[in-house]
Structures are given as C-alpha cells and as structure tokens.
Amino acid sequence: MARTGRPLKYTDANVIWDLAQKYFKDCDEKGDPYLITGVALALDTSRSTLIEWENKRDDLSDTIKRIKDICEDWAAKNLAKSNSGQIGKIFNLKVNHGWEDKQIIQQEITGELSLIDILAKKDKTKNEDEEENDGA
C-alpha cells in the first residue's frame, strides 16, 4: 500500500546530523546553550516533531538520541561549572532529559507488638474516656 500524507522533511539522518552540528557551532560562537528546541528550530521543525521522529522513525532515532545526549551533556557540564542560573538548568535536565529529584527514606521499626497489646490499650483508652464523661 502506498504511503499517503505529507512528504517526509528528512529521509537522511546525515542531513539532520550536519544541521545539528551547524547549530552547535553557532551556539558556541554566540555563547548560547545547546537546547533541544534550538535543534528543532535549526531543522525548521518543532520540538514535538523531533521527539516524534526519535520515537517513530528507526532511520532517524539514533541520530536524534545522539543529538539529545549532546544537549544533555552541555546542560550537565554547565550546571556543574556555574553558580548562577541553576534552577533553569535543572528544569531543562528534568523536562528534556528525564532527570528527577528523589528522596530515599529508610525507616526501621523494632520491637514487638501483638494484637492483644493493641486491644488492651484500646480498652484502657475507652475506659479512661468513659470515666471522664461520667465525671462531667
């Protein structure tokens, strides 16, 4: 069955790679960050389309993943080097590269507790409440 719909913008991963490399070079010359959205704009497409190609186009997927890795590497290195703008860089790593904050809480409870102890404590509390209400 013939493919229908809009013709593919890129059929060669090498063209995407070359355009991304030009984008990275331009960023270096201007002192701009490497961004996934910037790569998409350099390819004259959108970020969502670029991600769709990564997920659905086997012929482009590895190249786009490599480009994303370069952007992630840039963000991580600059986060480590810089003392300012940390929040924006952290946000970028979380949104575009799957980084996340985690807190691991480990709690250890020791001792013995039986159902008899729980019921006895409940009865004791109930009796104390009844005594308070009787005295009121």
N, C-alpha and C. Protein backbone atom coordinates (compact mmCIF):
# COMPACT_ATOMS: atom_id res chain seq x y z
N MET A 1 0.85 -1.17 0.00
CA MET A 1 0.00 0.00 0.00
C MET A 1 0.89 1.23 0.00
N ALA A 2 0.56 2.20 -0.79
CA ALA A 2 1.36 3.42 -0.92
C ALA A 2 1.17 4.31 0.30
N ARG A 3 2.26 4.96 0.68
CA ARG A 3 2.23 5.89 1.82
C ARG A 3 1.49 7.15 1.40
N THR A 4 0.59 7.61 2.25
CA THR A 4 -0.12 8.84 1.95
C THR A 4 0.19 9.87 3.01
N GLY A 5 -0.12 11.10 2.73
CA GLY A 5 0.12 12.16 3.69
C GLY A 5 1.26 13.06 3.24
N ARG A 6 1.67 13.90 4.14
CA ARG A 6 2.71 14.87 3.86
C ARG A 6 4.05 14.17 3.60
N PRO A 7 4.81 14.66 2.62
CA PRO A 7 6.12 14.04 2.38
C PRO A 7 7.05 14.29 3.56
N LEU A 8 7.97 13.35 3.79
CA LEU A 8 8.91 13.47 4.89
C LEU A 8 9.86 14.63 4.64
N LYS A 9 10.11 15.41 5.69
CA LYS A 9 11.02 16.54 5.58
C LYS A 9 12.46 16.06 5.44
N TYR A 10 12.80 15.02 6.22
CA TYR A 10 14.16 14.47 6.19
C TYR A 10 14.09 12.96 6.04
N THR A 11 14.86 12.44 5.11
CA THR A 11 14.95 10.99 4.94
C THR A 11 16.36 10.50 5.21
N ASP A 12 17.28 11.42 5.45
CA ASP A 12 18.68 11.06 5.66
C ASP A 12 19.14 11.59 7.02
N ALA A 13 19.53 10.69 7.90
CA ALA A 13 19.98 11.08 9.24
C ALA A 13 21.23 11.95 9.17
N ASN A 14 22.05 11.77 8.13
CA ASN A 14 23.27 12.59 7.99
C ASN A 14 22.95 14.07 7.80
N VAL A 15 21.87 14.36 7.11
CA VAL A 15 21.46 15.76 6.92
C VAL A 15 21.08 16.37 8.27
N ILE A 16 20.33 15.62 9.07
CA ILE A 16 19.94 16.09 10.41
C ILE A 16 21.19 16.30 11.26
N TRP A 17 22.10 15.35 11.22
CA TRP A 17 23.34 15.45 12.00
C TRP A 17 24.13 16.71 11.59
N ASP A 18 24.27 16.94 10.29
CA ASP A 18 25.02 18.10 9.81
C ASP A 18 24.37 19.41 10.25
N LEU A 19 23.06 19.50 10.16
CA LEU A 19 22.35 20.71 10.60
C LEU A 19 22.47 20.91 12.10
N ALA A 20 22.43 19.82 12.86
CA ALA A 20 22.60 19.92 14.32
C ALA A 20 24.02 20.40 14.65
N GLN A 21 25.01 19.88 13.95
CA GLN A 21 26.40 20.31 14.18
C GLN A 21 26.57 21.79 13.87
N LYS A 22 25.92 22.27 12.81
CA LYS A 22 25.95 23.70 12.49
C LYS A 22 25.31 24.51 13.61
N TYR A 23 24.18 24.01 14.14
CA TYR A 23 23.51 24.67 15.26
C TYR A 23 24.44 24.74 16.47
N PHE A 24 25.11 23.63 16.82
CA PHE A 24 26.02 23.61 17.96
C PHE A 24 27.17 24.60 17.77
N LYS A 25 27.70 24.66 16.55
CA LYS A 25 28.80 25.59 16.25
C LYS A 25 28.32 27.03 16.43
N ASP A 26 27.12 27.33 15.92
CA ASP A 26 26.55 28.68 16.08
C ASP A 26 26.36 29.01 17.56
N CYS A 27 25.90 28.04 18.34
CA CYS A 27 25.73 28.26 19.78
C CYS A 27 27.06 28.57 20.44
N ASP A 28 28.10 27.83 20.07
CA ASP A 28 29.43 28.06 20.64
C ASP A 28 29.92 29.47 20.31
N GLU A 29 29.70 29.91 19.07
CA GLU A 29 30.15 31.24 18.65
C GLU A 29 29.40 32.35 19.39
N LYS A 30 28.13 32.14 19.66
CA LYS A 30 27.31 33.15 20.33
C LYS A 30 27.31 33.02 21.85
N GLY A 31 27.82 31.89 22.35
CA GLY A 31 27.76 31.64 23.79
C GLY A 31 26.38 31.21 24.25
N ASP A 32 25.58 30.68 23.33
CA ASP A 32 24.23 30.22 23.65
C ASP A 32 24.24 28.77 24.11
N PRO A 33 23.23 28.36 24.88
CA PRO A 33 23.15 26.96 25.33
C PRO A 33 22.70 26.04 24.20
N TYR A 34 23.02 24.78 24.34
CA TYR A 34 22.51 23.76 23.42
C TYR A 34 21.15 23.33 23.94
N LEU A 35 20.13 23.51 23.12
CA LEU A 35 18.76 23.17 23.52
C LEU A 35 18.10 22.29 22.47
N ILE A 36 17.28 21.36 22.92
CA ILE A 36 16.52 20.50 22.01
C ILE A 36 15.63 21.36 21.10
N THR A 37 14.99 22.35 21.69
CA THR A 37 14.13 23.23 20.90
C THR A 37 14.94 23.98 19.86
N GLY A 38 16.16 24.39 20.22
CA GLY A 38 17.04 25.07 19.27
C GLY A 38 17.41 24.17 18.11
N VAL A 39 17.68 22.91 18.38
CA VAL A 39 17.98 21.95 17.31
C VAL A 39 16.77 21.82 16.39
N ALA A 40 15.59 21.71 16.99
CA ALA A 40 14.36 21.59 16.19
C ALA A 40 14.18 22.81 15.29
N LEU A 41 14.41 23.99 15.84
CA LEU A 41 14.28 25.20 15.02
C LEU A 41 15.31 25.23 13.90
N ALA A 42 16.52 24.75 14.19
CA ALA A 42 17.56 24.69 13.16
C ALA A 42 17.16 23.72 12.04
N LEU A 43 16.35 22.73 12.38
CA LEU A 43 15.85 21.77 11.40
C LEU A 43 14.54 22.25 10.75
N ASP A 44 14.11 23.44 11.13
CA ASP A 44 12.86 24.03 10.63
C ASP A 44 11.66 23.14 10.95
N THR A 45 11.65 22.68 12.20
CA THR A 45 10.52 21.87 12.67
C THR A 45 10.27 22.20 14.13
N SER A 46 9.40 21.47 14.78
CA SER A 46 9.09 21.73 16.18
C SER A 46 9.75 20.68 17.08
N ARG A 47 9.84 21.01 18.35
CA ARG A 47 10.41 20.07 19.32
C ARG A 47 9.58 18.79 19.35
N SER A 48 8.26 18.91 19.34
CA SER A 48 7.40 17.73 19.40
C SER A 48 7.58 16.84 18.17
N THR A 49 7.78 17.44 17.00
CA THR A 49 8.03 16.65 15.80
C THR A 49 9.36 15.93 15.89
N LEU A 50 10.37 16.61 16.41
CA LEU A 50 11.68 15.99 16.58
C LEU A 50 11.59 14.76 17.50
N ILE A 51 10.85 14.91 18.60
CA ILE A 51 10.67 13.80 19.53
C ILE A 51 9.87 12.67 18.87
N GLU A 52 8.88 13.03 18.07
CA GLU A 52 8.10 12.02 17.35
C GLU A 52 9.00 11.24 16.40
N TRP A 53 9.89 11.94 15.69
CA TRP A 53 10.83 11.25 14.79
C TRP A 53 11.71 10.30 15.60
N GLU A 54 12.15 10.75 16.75
CA GLU A 54 13.00 9.90 17.60
C GLU A 54 12.28 8.60 17.96
N ASN A 55 10.99 8.71 18.27
CA ASN A 55 10.22 7.56 18.74
C ASN A 55 9.66 6.68 17.62
N LYS A 56 9.44 7.27 16.44
CA LYS A 56 8.74 6.52 15.40
C LYS A 56 9.56 6.24 14.15
N ARG A 57 10.67 6.92 13.99
CA ARG A 57 11.46 6.76 12.77
C ARG A 57 12.77 6.05 13.09
N ASP A 58 12.82 4.77 12.83
CA ASP A 58 14.03 3.98 13.11
C ASP A 58 15.24 4.53 12.37
N ASP A 59 15.02 5.09 11.17
CA ASP A 59 16.13 5.61 10.37
C ASP A 59 16.73 6.89 10.95
N LEU A 60 16.00 7.58 11.84
CA LEU A 60 16.48 8.84 12.43
C LEU A 60 16.71 8.75 13.93
N SER A 61 16.18 7.73 14.55
CA SER A 61 16.15 7.64 16.01
C SER A 61 17.52 7.76 16.67
N ASP A 62 18.50 6.98 16.20
CA ASP A 62 19.83 7.01 16.83
C ASP A 62 20.49 8.37 16.71
N THR A 63 20.32 9.01 15.58
CA THR A 63 20.90 10.34 15.37
C THR A 63 20.27 11.36 16.32
N ILE A 64 18.97 11.33 16.45
CA ILE A 64 18.28 12.28 17.32
C ILE A 64 18.64 12.01 18.78
N LYS A 65 18.74 10.73 19.16
CA LYS A 65 19.16 10.41 20.53
C LYS A 65 20.56 10.95 20.80
N ARG A 66 21.45 10.83 19.85
CA ARG A 66 22.82 11.34 20.00
C ARG A 66 22.80 12.86 20.16
N ILE A 67 22.00 13.53 19.36
CA ILE A 67 21.87 14.99 19.45
C ILE A 67 21.34 15.38 20.83
N LYS A 68 20.32 14.67 21.31
CA LYS A 68 19.78 14.95 22.64
C LYS A 68 20.83 14.71 23.73
N ASP A 69 21.64 13.67 23.55
CA ASP A 69 22.72 13.40 24.51
C ASP A 69 23.73 14.54 24.55
N ILE A 70 24.02 15.11 23.40
CA ILE A 70 24.95 16.25 23.35
C ILE A 70 24.35 17.44 24.10
N CYS A 71 23.06 17.70 23.91
CA CYS A 71 22.38 18.79 24.63
C CYS A 71 22.39 18.52 26.14
N GLU A 72 22.12 17.29 26.52
CA GLU A 72 22.12 16.93 27.94
C GLU A 72 23.52 17.09 28.54
N ASP A 73 24.53 16.65 27.80
CA ASP A 73 25.91 16.78 28.28
C ASP A 73 26.27 18.24 28.49
N TRP A 74 25.87 19.09 27.53
CA TRP A 74 26.15 20.53 27.66
C TRP A 74 25.49 21.07 28.93
N ALA A 75 24.22 20.73 29.14
CA ALA A 75 23.48 21.24 30.31
C ALA A 75 24.11 20.76 31.61
N ALA A 76 24.46 19.48 31.66
CA ALA A 76 25.04 18.92 32.89
C ALA A 76 26.40 19.55 33.19
N LYS A 77 27.24 19.70 32.18
CA LYS A 77 28.56 20.31 32.38
C LYS A 77 28.43 21.76 32.84
N ASN A 78 27.52 22.49 32.24
CA ASN A 78 27.36 23.89 32.62
C ASN A 78 26.70 24.05 33.97
N LEU A 79 25.88 23.11 34.35
CA LEU A 79 25.30 23.11 35.69
C LEU A 79 26.41 22.94 36.72
N ALA A 80 27.35 22.05 36.41
CA ALA A 80 28.45 21.79 37.33
C ALA A 80 29.41 22.98 37.42
N LYS A 81 29.59 23.70 36.32
CA LYS A 81 30.55 24.82 36.27
C LYS A 81 30.00 26.11 36.87
N SER A 82 28.74 26.35 36.72
CA SER A 82 28.16 27.66 37.00
C SER A 82 27.58 27.75 38.40
N ASN A 83 27.61 28.96 38.95
CA ASN A 83 26.97 29.22 40.24
C ASN A 83 25.66 29.98 40.08
N SER A 84 25.33 30.37 38.86
CA SER A 84 24.09 31.13 38.66
C SER A 84 23.22 30.42 37.63
N GLY A 85 21.94 30.69 37.70
CA GLY A 85 21.00 30.11 36.75
C GLY A 85 20.80 28.61 36.95
N GLN A 86 21.03 28.12 38.13
CA GLN A 86 20.94 26.69 38.39
C GLN A 86 19.52 26.15 38.18
N ILE A 87 18.53 26.90 38.60
CA ILE A 87 17.16 26.40 38.55
C ILE A 87 16.74 26.13 37.11
N GLY A 88 17.06 27.04 36.20
CA GLY A 88 16.70 26.85 34.79
C GLY A 88 17.39 25.65 34.19
N LYS A 89 18.65 25.44 34.55
CA LYS A 89 19.39 24.29 34.02
C LYS A 89 18.85 22.99 34.59
N ILE A 90 18.50 22.99 35.85
CA ILE A 90 17.91 21.81 36.47
C ILE A 90 16.57 21.50 35.81
N PHE A 91 15.77 22.53 35.58
CA PHE A 91 14.47 22.37 34.92
C PHE A 91 14.67 21.73 33.54
N ASN A 92 15.64 22.24 32.78
CA ASN A 92 15.92 21.70 31.46
C ASN A 92 16.28 20.22 31.53
N LEU A 93 17.13 19.85 32.47
CA LEU A 93 17.53 18.45 32.59
C LEU A 93 16.34 17.56 32.98
N LYS A 94 15.45 18.07 33.82
CA LYS A 94 14.28 17.29 34.22
C LYS A 94 13.30 17.12 33.06
N VAL A 95 12.98 18.21 32.38
CA VAL A 95 11.96 18.18 31.34
C VAL A 95 12.45 17.48 30.08
N ASN A 96 13.66 17.80 29.65
CA ASN A 96 14.14 17.30 28.37
C ASN A 96 14.96 16.02 28.44
N HIS A 97 15.44 15.68 29.63
CA HIS A 97 16.36 14.55 29.69
C HIS A 97 16.01 13.53 30.77
N GLY A 98 14.83 13.64 31.37
CA GLY A 98 14.35 12.62 32.29
C GLY A 98 15.00 12.61 33.67
N TRP A 99 15.73 13.65 34.01
CA TRP A 99 16.31 13.71 35.35
C TRP A 99 15.18 13.93 36.35
N GLU A 100 15.36 13.48 37.59
CA GLU A 100 14.34 13.68 38.61
C GLU A 100 14.96 13.78 39.99
N ASP A 101 14.25 14.44 40.87
CA ASP A 101 14.66 14.52 42.27
C ASP A 101 14.11 13.30 42.98
N LYS A 102 14.94 12.71 43.81
CA LYS A 102 14.47 11.56 44.58
C LYS A 102 14.95 11.72 46.01
N GLN A 103 14.10 11.34 46.91
CA GLN A 103 14.48 11.22 48.30
C GLN A 103 14.20 9.79 48.72
N ILE A 104 15.22 9.14 49.19
CA ILE A 104 15.05 7.78 49.67
C ILE A 104 15.03 7.83 51.19
N ILE A 105 13.91 7.43 51.75
CA ILE A 105 13.74 7.45 53.19
C ILE A 105 13.68 6.00 53.67
N GLN A 106 14.58 5.69 54.53
CA GLN A 106 14.62 4.34 55.07
C GLN A 106 14.25 4.41 56.54
N GLN A 107 13.28 3.61 56.92
CA GLN A 107 12.81 3.64 58.30
C GLN A 107 12.81 2.22 58.83
N GLU A 108 13.32 2.08 60.04
CA GLU A 108 13.36 0.76 60.65
C GLU A 108 12.63 0.84 61.99
N ILE A 109 11.69 -0.05 62.17
CA ILE A 109 10.92 -0.08 63.41
C ILE A 109 11.24 -1.41 64.10
N THR A 110 11.60 -1.30 65.35
CA THR A 110 11.91 -2.51 66.09
C THR A 110 10.98 -2.63 67.28
N GLY A 111 10.89 -3.80 67.83
CA GLY A 111 10.03 -4.04 68.98
C GLY A 111 8.97 -5.05 68.63
N GLU A 112 8.21 -5.39 69.64
CA GLU A 112 7.16 -6.37 69.43
C GLU A 112 5.82 -5.73 69.79
N LEU A 113 4.85 -6.05 69.00
CA LEU A 113 3.52 -5.53 69.25
C LEU A 113 2.54 -6.63 68.85
N SER A 114 1.68 -6.97 69.77
CA SER A 114 0.73 -8.03 69.46
C SER A 114 -0.67 -7.45 69.40
N LEU A 115 -1.56 -8.19 68.82
CA LEU A 115 -2.96 -7.79 68.75
C LEU A 115 -3.55 -7.64 70.15
N ILE A 116 -3.12 -8.46 71.08
CA ILE A 116 -3.60 -8.38 72.47
C ILE A 116 -3.19 -7.04 73.08
N ASP A 117 -1.94 -6.62 72.84
CA ASP A 117 -1.48 -5.33 73.37
C ASP A 117 -2.29 -4.18 72.80
N ILE A 118 -2.58 -4.24 71.49
CA ILE A 118 -3.34 -3.17 70.84
C ILE A 118 -4.75 -3.10 71.42
N LEU A 119 -5.40 -4.25 71.58
CA LEU A 119 -6.77 -4.28 72.12
C LEU A 119 -6.79 -3.83 73.58
N ALA A 120 -5.78 -4.21 74.36
CA ALA A 120 -5.72 -3.81 75.76
C ALA A 120 -5.55 -2.30 75.85
N LYS A 121 -4.72 -1.73 74.99
CA LYS A 121 -4.52 -0.28 75.02
C LYS A 121 -5.81 0.44 74.61
N LYS A 122 -6.50 -0.13 73.62
CA LYS A 122 -7.75 0.47 73.16
C LYS A 122 -8.79 0.44 74.29
N ASP A 123 -8.90 -0.68 74.99
CA ASP A 123 -9.85 -0.79 76.11
C ASP A 123 -9.50 0.20 77.21
N LYS A 124 -8.22 0.32 77.52
CA LYS A 124 -7.78 1.25 78.56
C LYS A 124 -8.17 2.68 78.20
N THR A 125 -7.94 3.06 76.95
CA THR A 125 -8.29 4.41 76.49
C THR A 125 -9.80 4.62 76.54
N LYS A 126 -10.55 3.59 76.14
CA LYS A 126 -12.00 3.68 76.16
C LYS A 126 -12.51 3.85 77.58
N ASN A 127 -11.96 3.09 78.53
CA ASN A 127 -12.36 3.19 79.94
C ASN A 127 -12.02 4.57 80.51
N GLU A 128 -10.87 5.11 80.13
CA GLU A 128 -10.49 6.45 80.62
C GLU A 128 -11.45 7.50 80.08
N ASP A 129 -11.84 7.36 78.81
CA ASP A 129 -12.79 8.32 78.21
C ASP A 129 -14.15 8.23 78.89
N GLU A 130 -14.60 7.01 79.21
CA GLU A 130 -15.89 6.84 79.88
C GLU A 130 -15.86 7.45 81.28
N GLU A 131 -14.75 7.28 81.98
CA GLU A 131 -14.62 7.85 83.33
C GLU A 131 -14.67 9.37 83.29
N GLU A 132 -14.03 9.96 82.26
CA GLU A 132 -14.05 11.43 82.11
C GLU A 132 -15.46 11.91 81.85
N ASN A 133 -16.20 11.19 81.01
CA ASN A 133 -17.55 11.59 80.67
C ASN A 133 -18.51 11.39 81.84
N ASP A 134 -18.29 10.37 82.67
CA ASP A 134 -19.13 10.14 83.84
C ASP A 134 -18.93 11.24 84.87
N GLY A 135 -17.69 11.72 84.95
CA GLY A 135 -17.39 12.73 85.94
C GLY A 135 -17.83 14.11 85.51
N ALA A 136 -18.17 14.28 84.27
CA ALA A 136 -18.54 15.61 83.79
C ALA A 136 -19.97 15.97 84.09
